[in-house]
């Protein structure tokens, strides 16, 4: 009796191996179209890609910068689109720690090792 119910319910169910396709998938199915990442990106990601295509490999200014003289008269310039930025100084080349400090716009700041830093405003992406 139970076997008969199972067989009857299986006979009523339909089974199909064909998948349904949307009109968009049929549109791109026969073409060799690959979307461009620039066409797909939006917002800050798109601005980053445009800056990189223009030749700016570090649009957010996050790469490590080698220090120059870093005196009070000629401090190391750090770019930022904000009015303050957190900066890390590796005081000695063989040092295993980083000294962190906040830089504020229009204000030079001296690290504990004696190097001077200054925040300079730049336009955001």
N, C-alpha and C. Protein backbone atom coordinates (compact mmCIF):
# COMPACT_ATOMS: atom_id res chain seq x y z
N UNK A 1 0.82 -1.19 0.00
CA UNK A 1 0.00 0.00 0.00
C UNK A 1 0.87 1.26 0.00
N UNK A 2 1.86 1.28 0.86
CA UNK A 2 2.75 2.43 0.92
C UNK A 2 3.56 2.56 -0.35
N UNK A 3 3.98 1.43 -0.89
CA UNK A 3 4.73 1.44 -2.14
C UNK A 3 3.88 1.98 -3.28
N UNK A 4 2.61 1.64 -3.26
CA UNK A 4 1.71 2.11 -4.32
C UNK A 4 1.57 3.62 -4.25
N UNK A 5 1.45 4.19 -3.03
CA UNK A 5 1.35 5.65 -2.88
C UNK A 5 2.59 6.36 -3.41
N UNK A 6 3.73 5.81 -3.12
CA UNK A 6 4.99 6.40 -3.58
C UNK A 6 5.06 6.37 -5.10
N UNK A 7 4.70 5.24 -5.69
CA UNK A 7 4.75 5.12 -7.15
C UNK A 7 3.75 6.05 -7.82
N UNK A 8 2.57 6.21 -7.23
CA UNK A 8 1.56 7.11 -7.80
C UNK A 8 2.03 8.56 -7.71
N UNK A 9 2.64 8.94 -6.57
CA UNK A 9 3.11 10.33 -6.44
C UNK A 9 4.26 10.61 -7.38
N UNK A 10 5.13 9.63 -7.61
CA UNK A 10 6.22 9.81 -8.57
C UNK A 10 5.71 9.93 -9.99
N UNK A 11 4.66 9.19 -10.30
CA UNK A 11 4.10 9.24 -11.65
C UNK A 11 3.45 10.59 -11.91
N UNK A 12 2.93 11.24 -10.89
CA UNK A 12 2.27 12.54 -11.07
C UNK A 12 3.26 13.68 -11.25
N UNK A 13 4.43 13.55 -10.65
CA UNK A 13 5.42 14.63 -10.73
C UNK A 13 6.04 14.68 -12.11
N UNK A 14 6.28 15.88 -12.57
CA UNK A 14 6.93 16.01 -13.87
C UNK A 14 8.42 16.22 -13.67
N UNK A 15 9.17 15.75 -14.59
CA UNK A 15 10.63 15.86 -14.52
C UNK A 15 11.12 16.43 -15.83
N UNK A 16 11.95 17.47 -15.75
CA UNK A 16 12.45 18.10 -16.96
C UNK A 16 13.95 18.33 -16.83
N UNK A 17 14.67 18.09 -17.90
CA UNK A 17 16.11 18.33 -17.89
C UNK A 17 16.46 19.66 -18.53
N UNK A 18 15.51 20.32 -19.15
CA UNK A 18 15.76 21.61 -19.78
C UNK A 18 15.71 22.71 -18.73
N UNK A 19 16.64 23.64 -18.81
CA UNK A 19 16.63 24.75 -17.86
C UNK A 19 15.95 25.95 -18.50
N UNK A 20 15.39 26.77 -17.66
CA UNK A 20 14.77 27.98 -18.19
C UNK A 20 15.86 29.03 -18.34
N UNK A 21 15.80 29.77 -19.40
CA UNK A 21 16.79 30.82 -19.65
C UNK A 21 16.10 32.16 -19.74
N UNK A 22 16.77 33.14 -19.22
CA UNK A 22 16.23 34.49 -19.28
C UNK A 22 16.56 35.12 -20.63
N UNK A 23 15.84 36.15 -21.03
CA UNK A 23 16.15 36.82 -22.30
C UNK A 23 17.57 37.39 -22.32
N UNK A 24 18.07 37.86 -21.17
CA UNK A 24 19.43 38.43 -21.14
C UNK A 24 20.48 37.35 -21.37
N UNK A 25 20.27 36.16 -20.79
CA UNK A 25 21.26 35.11 -20.99
C UNK A 25 21.26 34.63 -22.44
N UNK A 26 20.10 34.66 -23.08
CA UNK A 26 20.05 34.30 -24.50
C UNK A 26 20.72 35.36 -25.35
N UNK A 27 20.65 36.61 -24.92
CA UNK A 27 21.26 37.70 -25.68
C UNK A 27 22.78 37.57 -25.72
N UNK A 28 23.39 37.22 -24.58
CA UNK A 28 24.84 37.13 -24.50
C UNK A 28 25.38 35.71 -24.73
N UNK A 29 24.50 34.75 -24.94
CA UNK A 29 24.95 33.36 -25.07
C UNK A 29 25.77 33.13 -26.32
N UNK A 30 25.45 33.79 -27.40
CA UNK A 30 26.12 33.52 -28.67
C UNK A 30 27.19 34.55 -29.02
N UNK A 31 27.52 35.43 -28.11
CA UNK A 31 28.53 36.45 -28.40
C UNK A 31 29.78 36.19 -27.58
N UNK A 32 30.85 36.82 -27.97
CA UNK A 32 32.11 36.71 -27.24
C UNK A 32 32.31 37.92 -26.34
N UNK A 33 31.24 38.47 -25.80
CA UNK A 33 31.30 39.68 -24.99
C UNK A 33 31.79 39.35 -23.58
N UNK A 34 32.83 40.05 -23.16
CA UNK A 34 33.32 39.96 -21.80
C UNK A 34 33.23 41.36 -21.20
N UNK A 35 32.53 41.52 -20.08
CA UNK A 35 32.39 42.86 -19.52
C UNK A 35 33.72 43.45 -19.08
N UNK A 36 33.89 44.71 -19.32
CA UNK A 36 35.07 45.45 -18.91
C UNK A 36 34.92 45.78 -17.43
N UNK A 37 35.95 45.59 -16.60
CA UNK A 37 35.82 45.93 -15.17
C UNK A 37 35.45 47.39 -14.95
N UNK A 38 35.89 48.27 -15.83
CA UNK A 38 35.57 49.69 -15.69
C UNK A 38 34.08 49.94 -15.93
N UNK A 39 33.47 49.18 -16.84
CA UNK A 39 32.04 49.32 -17.09
C UNK A 39 31.22 48.77 -15.92
N UNK A 40 31.76 47.78 -15.25
CA UNK A 40 31.03 47.14 -14.16
C UNK A 40 31.19 47.88 -12.83
N UNK A 41 32.31 48.56 -12.64
CA UNK A 41 32.60 49.22 -11.36
C UNK A 41 31.74 50.47 -11.19
N UNK A 42 31.56 50.84 -9.93
CA UNK A 42 30.84 52.07 -9.62
C UNK A 42 31.42 52.68 -8.35
N UNK A 43 31.12 53.94 -8.12
CA UNK A 43 31.55 54.61 -6.90
C UNK A 43 33.05 54.77 -6.79
N UNK A 44 33.57 54.55 -5.58
CA UNK A 44 34.99 54.75 -5.30
C UNK A 44 35.86 53.75 -6.06
N UNK A 45 35.32 52.54 -6.30
CA UNK A 45 36.08 51.54 -7.06
C UNK A 45 36.33 52.03 -8.49
N UNK A 46 35.32 52.65 -9.09
CA UNK A 46 35.48 53.18 -10.45
C UNK A 46 36.48 54.33 -10.47
N UNK A 47 36.43 55.19 -9.48
CA UNK A 47 37.39 56.29 -9.40
C UNK A 47 38.81 55.77 -9.23
N UNK A 48 38.96 54.70 -8.46
CA UNK A 48 40.28 54.09 -8.27
C UNK A 48 40.80 53.52 -9.59
N UNK A 49 39.95 52.82 -10.34
CA UNK A 49 40.36 52.25 -11.63
C UNK A 49 40.74 53.34 -12.62
N UNK A 50 39.99 54.43 -12.64
CA UNK A 50 40.29 55.55 -13.55
C UNK A 50 41.63 56.18 -13.18
N UNK A 51 41.88 56.35 -11.88
CA UNK A 51 43.16 56.92 -11.44
C UNK A 51 44.32 56.00 -11.81
N UNK A 52 44.14 54.69 -11.67
CA UNK A 52 45.20 53.75 -12.03
C UNK A 52 45.45 53.75 -13.53
N UNK A 53 44.39 53.88 -14.33
CA UNK A 53 44.57 53.96 -15.78
C UNK A 53 45.27 55.24 -16.19
N UNK A 54 45.10 56.30 -15.40
CA UNK A 54 45.75 57.58 -15.68
C UNK A 54 47.21 57.58 -15.25
N UNK A 55 47.66 56.50 -14.59
CA UNK A 55 49.07 56.40 -14.20
C UNK A 55 49.34 56.56 -12.72
N UNK A 56 48.31 56.78 -11.92
CA UNK A 56 48.48 56.91 -10.47
C UNK A 56 48.33 55.53 -9.84
N UNK A 57 49.46 54.88 -9.54
CA UNK A 57 49.42 53.53 -8.99
C UNK A 57 49.02 53.50 -7.51
N UNK A 58 49.04 54.64 -6.85
CA UNK A 58 48.70 54.71 -5.43
C UNK A 58 47.69 55.84 -5.20
N UNK A 59 46.44 55.67 -5.66
CA UNK A 59 45.49 56.78 -5.57
C UNK A 59 45.09 57.15 -4.14
N UNK A 60 45.28 56.24 -3.18
CA UNK A 60 44.91 56.54 -1.79
C UNK A 60 46.11 56.91 -0.93
N UNK A 61 47.29 57.00 -1.53
CA UNK A 61 48.52 57.38 -0.82
C UNK A 61 48.77 56.51 0.41
N UNK A 62 48.78 55.21 0.21
CA UNK A 62 49.00 54.29 1.32
C UNK A 62 50.33 53.55 1.22
N UNK A 63 51.12 53.84 0.20
CA UNK A 63 52.40 53.15 0.05
C UNK A 63 53.43 53.71 1.03
N UNK A 64 54.43 52.90 1.33
CA UNK A 64 55.50 53.31 2.23
C UNK A 64 56.38 54.33 1.51
N UNK A 65 56.70 55.42 2.20
CA UNK A 65 57.49 56.50 1.61
C UNK A 65 58.84 56.55 2.32
N UNK A 66 59.92 56.60 1.55
CA UNK A 66 61.25 56.78 2.15
C UNK A 66 61.38 58.22 2.62
N UNK A 67 61.89 58.37 3.82
CA UNK A 67 62.03 59.71 4.38
C UNK A 67 63.18 60.45 3.73
N UNK A 68 63.01 61.76 3.67
CA UNK A 68 64.09 62.62 3.22
C UNK A 68 64.82 63.19 4.42
N UNK A 69 65.11 64.48 4.37
CA UNK A 69 65.82 65.13 5.49
C UNK A 69 64.94 65.19 6.73
N UNK A 70 63.67 65.49 6.56
CA UNK A 70 62.68 65.53 7.65
C UNK A 70 63.09 66.48 8.77
N UNK A 71 63.52 67.68 8.41
CA UNK A 71 63.87 68.68 9.42
C UNK A 71 62.65 69.54 9.72
N UNK A 72 62.80 70.42 10.70
CA UNK A 72 61.69 71.30 11.03
C UNK A 72 61.39 72.25 9.88
N UNK A 73 62.43 72.69 9.17
CA UNK A 73 62.24 73.60 8.03
C UNK A 73 61.72 72.87 6.79
N UNK A 74 62.09 71.61 6.62
CA UNK A 74 61.65 70.80 5.48
C UNK A 74 61.09 69.47 5.98
N UNK A 75 59.88 69.48 6.52
CA UNK A 75 59.32 68.22 7.05
C UNK A 75 58.90 67.28 5.92
N UNK A 76 58.75 66.02 6.27
CA UNK A 76 58.25 65.02 5.31
C UNK A 76 56.77 65.32 5.07
N UNK A 77 56.40 65.56 3.81
CA UNK A 77 55.01 65.90 3.48
C UNK A 77 54.21 64.61 3.32
N UNK A 78 53.08 64.55 4.01
CA UNK A 78 52.16 63.42 3.93
C UNK A 78 50.86 63.96 3.35
N UNK A 79 50.38 63.34 2.26
CA UNK A 79 49.16 63.80 1.61
C UNK A 79 47.93 63.15 2.22
N UNK A 80 46.85 63.93 2.29
CA UNK A 80 45.58 63.40 2.79
C UNK A 80 44.44 64.26 2.28
N UNK A 81 43.30 63.63 2.03
CA UNK A 81 42.11 64.40 1.64
C UNK A 81 41.28 64.76 2.88
N UNK A 82 41.70 64.30 4.03
CA UNK A 82 41.03 64.63 5.30
C UNK A 82 41.86 65.65 6.08
N UNK A 83 41.29 66.19 7.14
CA UNK A 83 42.01 67.19 7.93
C UNK A 83 42.98 66.57 8.92
N UNK A 84 42.95 65.24 9.07
CA UNK A 84 43.93 64.55 9.91
C UNK A 84 44.18 63.15 9.36
N UNK A 85 45.35 62.60 9.73
CA UNK A 85 45.72 61.27 9.22
C UNK A 85 46.65 60.59 10.21
N UNK A 86 46.46 59.29 10.37
CA UNK A 86 47.31 58.48 11.23
C UNK A 86 48.53 58.04 10.43
N UNK A 87 49.73 58.33 10.96
CA UNK A 87 50.98 58.05 10.25
C UNK A 87 51.87 57.22 11.16
N UNK A 88 52.55 56.26 10.54
CA UNK A 88 53.49 55.42 11.28
C UNK A 88 54.91 55.74 10.86
N UNK A 89 55.81 55.84 11.83
CA UNK A 89 57.22 56.11 11.56
C UNK A 89 58.05 54.94 12.08
N UNK A 90 58.85 54.36 11.18
CA UNK A 90 59.81 53.34 11.59
C UNK A 90 61.10 54.10 11.86
N UNK A 91 61.34 54.39 13.11
CA UNK A 91 62.40 55.32 13.48
C UNK A 91 63.79 54.86 13.04
N UNK A 92 64.10 53.59 13.17
CA UNK A 92 65.39 53.06 12.74
C UNK A 92 65.13 51.94 11.75
N UNK A 93 66.04 51.75 10.80
CA UNK A 93 65.82 50.75 9.76
C UNK A 93 65.66 49.34 10.30
N UNK A 94 66.37 48.99 11.35
CA UNK A 94 66.28 47.64 11.89
C UNK A 94 65.26 47.53 13.02
N UNK A 95 64.46 48.58 13.20
CA UNK A 95 63.45 48.58 14.25
C UNK A 95 62.31 47.61 13.91
N UNK A 96 61.79 46.96 14.91
CA UNK A 96 60.68 46.03 14.72
C UNK A 96 59.35 46.62 15.14
N UNK A 97 59.35 47.87 15.54
CA UNK A 97 58.11 48.51 15.96
C UNK A 97 57.88 49.79 15.16
N UNK A 98 56.63 50.21 15.17
CA UNK A 98 56.23 51.42 14.45
C UNK A 98 55.70 52.41 15.47
N UNK A 99 56.13 53.66 15.36
CA UNK A 99 55.63 54.73 16.22
C UNK A 99 54.50 55.41 15.46
N UNK A 100 53.30 55.37 16.03
CA UNK A 100 52.12 55.94 15.37
C UNK A 100 51.82 57.32 15.95
N UNK A 101 51.38 58.22 15.08
CA UNK A 101 51.00 59.57 15.52
C UNK A 101 49.94 60.13 14.58
N UNK A 102 49.15 61.04 15.11
CA UNK A 102 48.14 61.72 14.31
C UNK A 102 48.72 63.03 13.79
N UNK A 103 48.60 63.23 12.49
CA UNK A 103 48.99 64.51 11.89
C UNK A 103 47.73 65.30 11.61
N UNK A 104 47.79 66.58 11.88
CA UNK A 104 46.66 67.46 11.58
C UNK A 104 47.10 68.51 10.57
N UNK A 105 46.14 68.98 9.82
CA UNK A 105 46.42 69.92 8.73
C UNK A 105 47.04 71.21 9.27
N UNK A 106 48.00 71.75 8.50
CA UNK A 106 48.69 73.02 8.81
C UNK A 106 49.45 72.96 10.13
N UNK A 107 49.95 71.80 10.49
CA UNK A 107 50.66 71.67 11.75
C UNK A 107 51.77 70.62 11.57
N UNK A 108 53.02 71.03 11.80
CA UNK A 108 54.14 70.09 11.73
C UNK A 108 54.25 69.34 13.05
N UNK A 109 54.65 68.08 12.96
CA UNK A 109 54.76 67.27 14.18
C UNK A 109 56.07 66.50 14.15
N UNK A 110 56.70 66.43 15.31
CA UNK A 110 57.99 65.76 15.45
C UNK A 110 57.78 64.38 16.07
N UNK A 111 58.40 63.38 15.45
CA UNK A 111 58.38 62.02 15.99
C UNK A 111 59.39 61.95 17.14
N UNK A 112 59.31 60.90 17.93
CA UNK A 112 60.25 60.71 19.04
C UNK A 112 61.69 60.55 18.55
N UNK A 113 61.87 60.10 17.31
CA UNK A 113 63.22 59.91 16.77
C UNK A 113 63.81 61.21 16.22
N UNK A 114 63.01 62.27 16.12
CA UNK A 114 63.53 63.55 15.67
C UNK A 114 63.10 63.95 14.27
N UNK A 115 62.44 63.07 13.53
CA UNK A 115 61.97 63.40 12.19
C UNK A 115 60.68 64.20 12.27
N UNK A 116 60.54 65.15 11.33
CA UNK A 116 59.38 66.03 11.29
C UNK A 116 58.46 65.63 10.14
N UNK A 117 57.15 65.75 10.38
CA UNK A 117 56.14 65.41 9.38
C UNK A 117 55.12 66.54 9.31
N UNK A 118 54.53 66.70 8.13
CA UNK A 118 53.52 67.74 7.94
C UNK A 118 52.44 67.20 7.00
N UNK A 119 51.19 67.43 7.36
CA UNK A 119 50.07 66.98 6.55
C UNK A 119 49.74 68.04 5.51
N UNK A 120 49.60 67.61 4.28
CA UNK A 120 49.24 68.52 3.19
C UNK A 120 47.93 68.04 2.57
N UNK A 121 47.01 68.96 2.41
CA UNK A 121 45.68 68.64 1.87
C UNK A 121 45.78 68.37 0.38
N UNK A 122 45.04 67.35 -0.09
CA UNK A 122 44.93 67.07 -1.52
C UNK A 122 43.47 66.81 -1.83
N UNK A 123 43.14 66.91 -3.09
CA UNK A 123 41.76 66.68 -3.50
C UNK A 123 41.44 65.19 -3.44
N UNK A 124 40.25 64.84 -2.97
CA UNK A 124 39.88 63.42 -2.95
C UNK A 124 39.66 62.90 -4.37
N UNK A 125 39.60 61.59 -4.51
CA UNK A 125 39.41 60.98 -5.83
C UNK A 125 38.16 61.47 -6.47
